């Protein structure tokens, strides 16, 4: 696998991981006991920390990409493992 493919696939995993970790640990102003600004959405986070989200996303992306790459190298799961056309022979 080329290094450019590795970078591109890792970035895809990172974006997926960022969206996956985004809602974890979020507290609203009501949960944090803070006052709200007039017109503020009820679900707005009290404290948004993009560094924490980036760190969590990076760790998760490294784990997921590591599993992907190991599967690529060792061929644990391949397209042959799936019955794409049930009922047909060959």
N, C-alpha and C. Protein backbone atom coordinates (compact mmCIF):
# COMPACT_ATOMS: atom_id res chain seq x y z
N UNK A 1 0.85 -1.17 0.00
CA UNK A 1 0.00 0.00 0.00
C UNK A 1 0.90 1.24 0.00
N UNK A 2 0.59 2.18 -0.84
CA UNK A 2 1.37 3.41 -0.93
C UNK A 2 1.17 4.26 0.32
N UNK A 3 2.15 5.12 0.60
CA UNK A 3 2.04 5.98 1.78
C UNK A 3 0.94 7.01 1.60
N UNK A 4 0.66 7.42 0.38
CA UNK A 4 -0.43 8.39 0.15
C UNK A 4 -1.78 7.75 0.45
N UNK A 5 -1.91 6.47 0.11
CA UNK A 5 -3.15 5.75 0.44
C UNK A 5 -3.30 5.61 1.95
N UNK A 6 -2.19 5.33 2.63
CA UNK A 6 -2.22 5.20 4.08
C UNK A 6 -2.68 6.51 4.71
N UNK A 7 -2.15 7.63 4.26
CA UNK A 7 -2.52 8.93 4.82
C UNK A 7 -3.99 9.23 4.53
N UNK A 8 -4.42 8.98 3.31
CA UNK A 8 -5.81 9.27 2.94
C UNK A 8 -6.80 8.42 3.75
N UNK A 9 -6.50 7.14 3.91
CA UNK A 9 -7.39 6.26 4.66
C UNK A 9 -7.37 6.63 6.13
N UNK A 10 -6.19 6.97 6.68
CA UNK A 10 -6.13 7.40 8.07
C UNK A 10 -6.95 8.66 8.28
N UNK A 11 -6.89 9.61 7.37
CA UNK A 11 -7.69 10.83 7.51
C UNK A 11 -9.18 10.53 7.49
N UNK A 12 -9.59 9.59 6.66
CA UNK A 12 -11.00 9.17 6.66
C UNK A 12 -11.38 8.58 8.01
N UNK A 13 -10.52 7.73 8.56
CA UNK A 13 -10.78 7.17 9.88
C UNK A 13 -10.81 8.26 10.95
N UNK A 14 -9.95 9.27 10.81
CA UNK A 14 -9.89 10.35 11.80
C UNK A 14 -11.18 11.17 11.79
N UNK A 15 -11.67 11.49 10.61
CA UNK A 15 -12.92 12.26 10.52
C UNK A 15 -14.08 11.45 11.09
N UNK A 16 -14.15 10.17 10.77
CA UNK A 16 -15.18 9.30 11.33
C UNK A 16 -15.07 9.27 12.86
N UNK A 17 -13.86 9.12 13.36
CA UNK A 17 -13.65 9.07 14.81
C UNK A 17 -14.02 10.39 15.46
N UNK A 18 -13.73 11.51 14.80
CA UNK A 18 -14.09 12.82 15.38
C UNK A 18 -15.60 12.94 15.54
N UNK A 19 -16.34 12.51 14.55
CA UNK A 19 -17.80 12.56 14.67
C UNK A 19 -18.31 11.57 15.72
N UNK A 20 -17.61 10.46 15.90
CA UNK A 20 -18.03 9.48 16.90
C UNK A 20 -17.79 9.97 18.32
N UNK A 21 -16.67 10.65 18.57
CA UNK A 21 -16.35 11.09 19.93
C UNK A 21 -16.94 12.45 20.27
N UNK A 22 -17.45 13.17 19.31
CA UNK A 22 -17.96 14.52 19.54
C UNK A 22 -19.01 14.61 20.64
N UNK A 23 -19.99 13.74 20.71
CA UNK A 23 -21.03 13.90 21.73
C UNK A 23 -20.64 13.42 23.13
N UNK A 24 -19.53 12.71 23.29
CA UNK A 24 -19.18 12.16 24.60
C UNK A 24 -18.58 13.23 25.51
N UNK A 25 -19.08 13.28 26.73
CA UNK A 25 -18.57 14.23 27.72
C UNK A 25 -19.12 15.63 27.59
N UNK A 26 -20.11 15.83 26.75
CA UNK A 26 -20.68 17.16 26.55
C UNK A 26 -21.72 17.42 27.65
N UNK A 27 -21.60 18.56 28.28
CA UNK A 27 -22.57 18.96 29.30
C UNK A 27 -23.20 20.28 28.87
N UNK A 28 -24.51 20.38 29.04
CA UNK A 28 -25.21 21.62 28.71
C UNK A 28 -25.04 22.61 29.86
N UNK A 29 -25.49 23.84 29.64
CA UNK A 29 -25.40 24.86 30.68
C UNK A 29 -26.23 24.48 31.90
N UNK A 30 -27.37 23.85 31.67
CA UNK A 30 -28.21 23.41 32.79
C UNK A 30 -27.49 22.35 33.62
N UNK A 31 -26.85 21.40 32.95
CA UNK A 31 -26.13 20.34 33.66
C UNK A 31 -24.91 20.88 34.41
N UNK A 32 -24.28 21.90 33.85
CA UNK A 32 -23.10 22.48 34.47
C UNK A 32 -23.45 23.53 35.51
N UNK A 33 -24.71 23.92 35.58
CA UNK A 33 -25.13 24.91 36.55
C UNK A 33 -24.77 26.33 36.17
N UNK A 34 -24.64 26.59 34.88
CA UNK A 34 -24.28 27.93 34.39
C UNK A 34 -25.52 28.62 33.83
N UNK A 35 -25.46 29.95 33.80
CA UNK A 35 -26.58 30.70 33.21
C UNK A 35 -26.44 30.72 31.69
N UNK A 36 -27.59 30.79 31.02
CA UNK A 36 -27.61 30.78 29.55
C UNK A 36 -27.75 32.20 29.01
N UNK A 37 -27.25 32.38 27.82
CA UNK A 37 -27.39 33.64 27.10
C UNK A 37 -28.77 33.64 26.46
N UNK A 38 -29.48 34.76 26.45
CA UNK A 38 -30.80 34.79 25.81
C UNK A 38 -30.72 34.36 24.34
N UNK A 39 -31.61 33.45 23.96
CA UNK A 39 -31.64 32.94 22.60
C UNK A 39 -30.77 31.72 22.37
N UNK A 40 -30.07 31.29 23.41
CA UNK A 40 -29.17 30.15 23.29
C UNK A 40 -29.97 28.85 23.23
N UNK A 41 -29.52 27.92 22.42
CA UNK A 41 -30.18 26.61 22.32
C UNK A 41 -30.01 25.85 23.62
N UNK A 42 -31.03 25.06 23.95
CA UNK A 42 -30.99 24.27 25.19
C UNK A 42 -29.85 23.25 25.16
N UNK A 43 -29.52 22.76 23.98
CA UNK A 43 -28.53 21.69 23.86
C UNK A 43 -27.11 22.20 23.62
N UNK A 44 -26.90 23.51 23.67
CA UNK A 44 -25.57 24.05 23.43
C UNK A 44 -24.60 23.62 24.53
N UNK A 45 -23.39 23.22 24.16
CA UNK A 45 -22.45 22.78 25.19
C UNK A 45 -21.97 23.95 26.04
N UNK A 46 -21.74 23.66 27.33
CA UNK A 46 -21.26 24.69 28.24
C UNK A 46 -19.79 25.01 27.96
N UNK A 47 -19.03 24.00 27.63
CA UNK A 47 -17.60 24.21 27.36
C UNK A 47 -17.19 23.32 26.20
N UNK A 48 -16.76 23.92 25.11
CA UNK A 48 -16.33 23.17 23.94
C UNK A 48 -14.81 23.15 23.92
N UNK A 49 -14.23 21.96 23.93
CA UNK A 49 -12.78 21.81 23.97
C UNK A 49 -12.31 21.01 22.74
N UNK A 50 -11.95 21.71 21.65
CA UNK A 50 -11.57 20.99 20.44
C UNK A 50 -10.27 20.18 20.59
N UNK A 51 -9.38 20.60 21.48
CA UNK A 51 -8.14 19.82 21.67
C UNK A 51 -8.45 18.44 22.25
N UNK A 52 -9.37 18.40 23.21
CA UNK A 52 -9.74 17.12 23.81
C UNK A 52 -10.39 16.22 22.76
N UNK A 53 -11.25 16.78 21.93
CA UNK A 53 -11.90 16.00 20.88
C UNK A 53 -10.88 15.50 19.87
N UNK A 54 -9.91 16.35 19.50
CA UNK A 54 -8.88 15.94 18.55
C UNK A 54 -8.02 14.81 19.12
N UNK A 55 -7.69 14.89 20.41
CA UNK A 55 -6.89 13.82 21.03
C UNK A 55 -7.66 12.50 21.05
N UNK A 56 -8.91 12.57 21.47
CA UNK A 56 -9.73 11.36 21.51
C UNK A 56 -9.92 10.78 20.11
N UNK A 57 -10.16 11.64 19.14
CA UNK A 57 -10.35 11.18 17.76
C UNK A 57 -9.07 10.55 17.22
N UNK A 58 -7.92 11.12 17.57
CA UNK A 58 -6.66 10.57 17.09
C UNK A 58 -6.41 9.18 17.66
N UNK A 59 -6.67 9.01 18.94
CA UNK A 59 -6.48 7.70 19.56
C UNK A 59 -7.41 6.67 18.93
N UNK A 60 -8.69 7.02 18.79
CA UNK A 60 -9.64 6.09 18.19
C UNK A 60 -9.29 5.80 16.74
N UNK A 61 -8.87 6.81 15.99
CA UNK A 61 -8.50 6.61 14.58
C UNK A 61 -7.27 5.72 14.47
N UNK A 62 -6.31 5.86 15.38
CA UNK A 62 -5.13 5.00 15.35
C UNK A 62 -5.51 3.54 15.60
N UNK A 63 -6.41 3.30 16.54
CA UNK A 63 -6.85 1.93 16.81
C UNK A 63 -7.60 1.36 15.61
N UNK A 64 -8.56 2.12 15.09
CA UNK A 64 -9.34 1.62 13.95
C UNK A 64 -8.47 1.42 12.71
N UNK A 65 -7.57 2.37 12.44
CA UNK A 65 -6.70 2.22 11.28
C UNK A 65 -5.73 1.06 11.47
N UNK A 66 -5.27 0.87 12.71
CA UNK A 66 -4.39 -0.26 12.98
C UNK A 66 -5.07 -1.58 12.67
N UNK A 67 -6.33 -1.71 13.08
CA UNK A 67 -7.09 -2.92 12.76
C UNK A 67 -7.29 -3.07 11.26
N UNK A 68 -7.59 -1.95 10.60
CA UNK A 68 -7.76 -1.98 9.14
C UNK A 68 -6.47 -2.44 8.45
N UNK A 69 -5.35 -1.87 8.87
CA UNK A 69 -4.08 -2.20 8.22
C UNK A 69 -3.67 -3.64 8.49
N UNK A 70 -3.88 -4.11 9.73
CA UNK A 70 -3.57 -5.51 10.02
C UNK A 70 -4.45 -6.45 9.20
N UNK A 71 -5.71 -6.08 9.01
CA UNK A 71 -6.57 -6.89 8.14
C UNK A 71 -6.08 -6.86 6.70
N UNK A 72 -5.59 -5.71 6.26
CA UNK A 72 -5.06 -5.58 4.90
C UNK A 72 -3.84 -6.49 4.72
N UNK A 73 -2.96 -6.51 5.72
CA UNK A 73 -1.73 -7.30 5.62
C UNK A 73 -2.01 -8.79 5.76
N UNK A 74 -2.80 -9.18 6.76
CA UNK A 74 -3.00 -10.59 7.06
C UNK A 74 -4.24 -11.19 6.42
N UNK A 75 -5.13 -10.37 5.88
CA UNK A 75 -6.29 -10.87 5.17
C UNK A 75 -7.28 -11.63 6.03
N UNK A 76 -7.52 -11.15 7.25
CA UNK A 76 -8.45 -11.82 8.15
C UNK A 76 -9.85 -11.90 7.56
N UNK A 77 -10.33 -10.78 7.04
CA UNK A 77 -11.66 -10.73 6.43
C UNK A 77 -11.48 -10.22 5.01
N UNK A 78 -11.94 -11.02 4.05
CA UNK A 78 -11.84 -10.62 2.65
C UNK A 78 -13.23 -10.64 2.03
N UNK A 79 -13.32 -10.24 0.80
CA UNK A 79 -14.60 -10.21 0.10
C UNK A 79 -15.16 -11.62 -0.05
N UNK A 80 -14.28 -12.61 -0.06
CA UNK A 80 -14.73 -14.00 -0.19
C UNK A 80 -15.50 -14.48 1.04
N UNK A 81 -15.36 -13.79 2.15
CA UNK A 81 -16.05 -14.18 3.39
C UNK A 81 -17.54 -13.82 3.35
N UNK A 82 -17.94 -13.02 2.40
CA UNK A 82 -19.33 -12.57 2.33
C UNK A 82 -20.06 -13.28 1.19
N UNK A 83 -21.28 -13.72 1.47
CA UNK A 83 -22.12 -14.35 0.46
C UNK A 83 -22.92 -13.24 -0.21
N UNK A 84 -22.36 -12.68 -1.28
CA UNK A 84 -22.99 -11.54 -1.92
C UNK A 84 -24.20 -11.89 -2.74
N UNK A 85 -24.24 -13.11 -3.26
CA UNK A 85 -25.36 -13.54 -4.09
C UNK A 85 -25.91 -14.85 -3.53
N UNK A 86 -26.75 -14.77 -2.50
CA UNK A 86 -27.27 -16.01 -1.90
C UNK A 86 -28.10 -16.80 -2.91
N UNK A 87 -27.91 -18.09 -2.87
CA UNK A 87 -28.68 -18.97 -3.76
C UNK A 87 -28.00 -19.24 -5.08
N UNK A 88 -26.95 -18.50 -5.42
CA UNK A 88 -26.27 -18.76 -6.68
C UNK A 88 -25.04 -19.61 -6.40
N UNK A 89 -24.66 -20.39 -7.39
CA UNK A 89 -23.49 -21.25 -7.23
C UNK A 89 -22.29 -20.61 -7.92
N UNK A 90 -21.13 -20.81 -7.33
CA UNK A 90 -19.90 -20.38 -7.95
C UNK A 90 -19.55 -19.03 -7.55
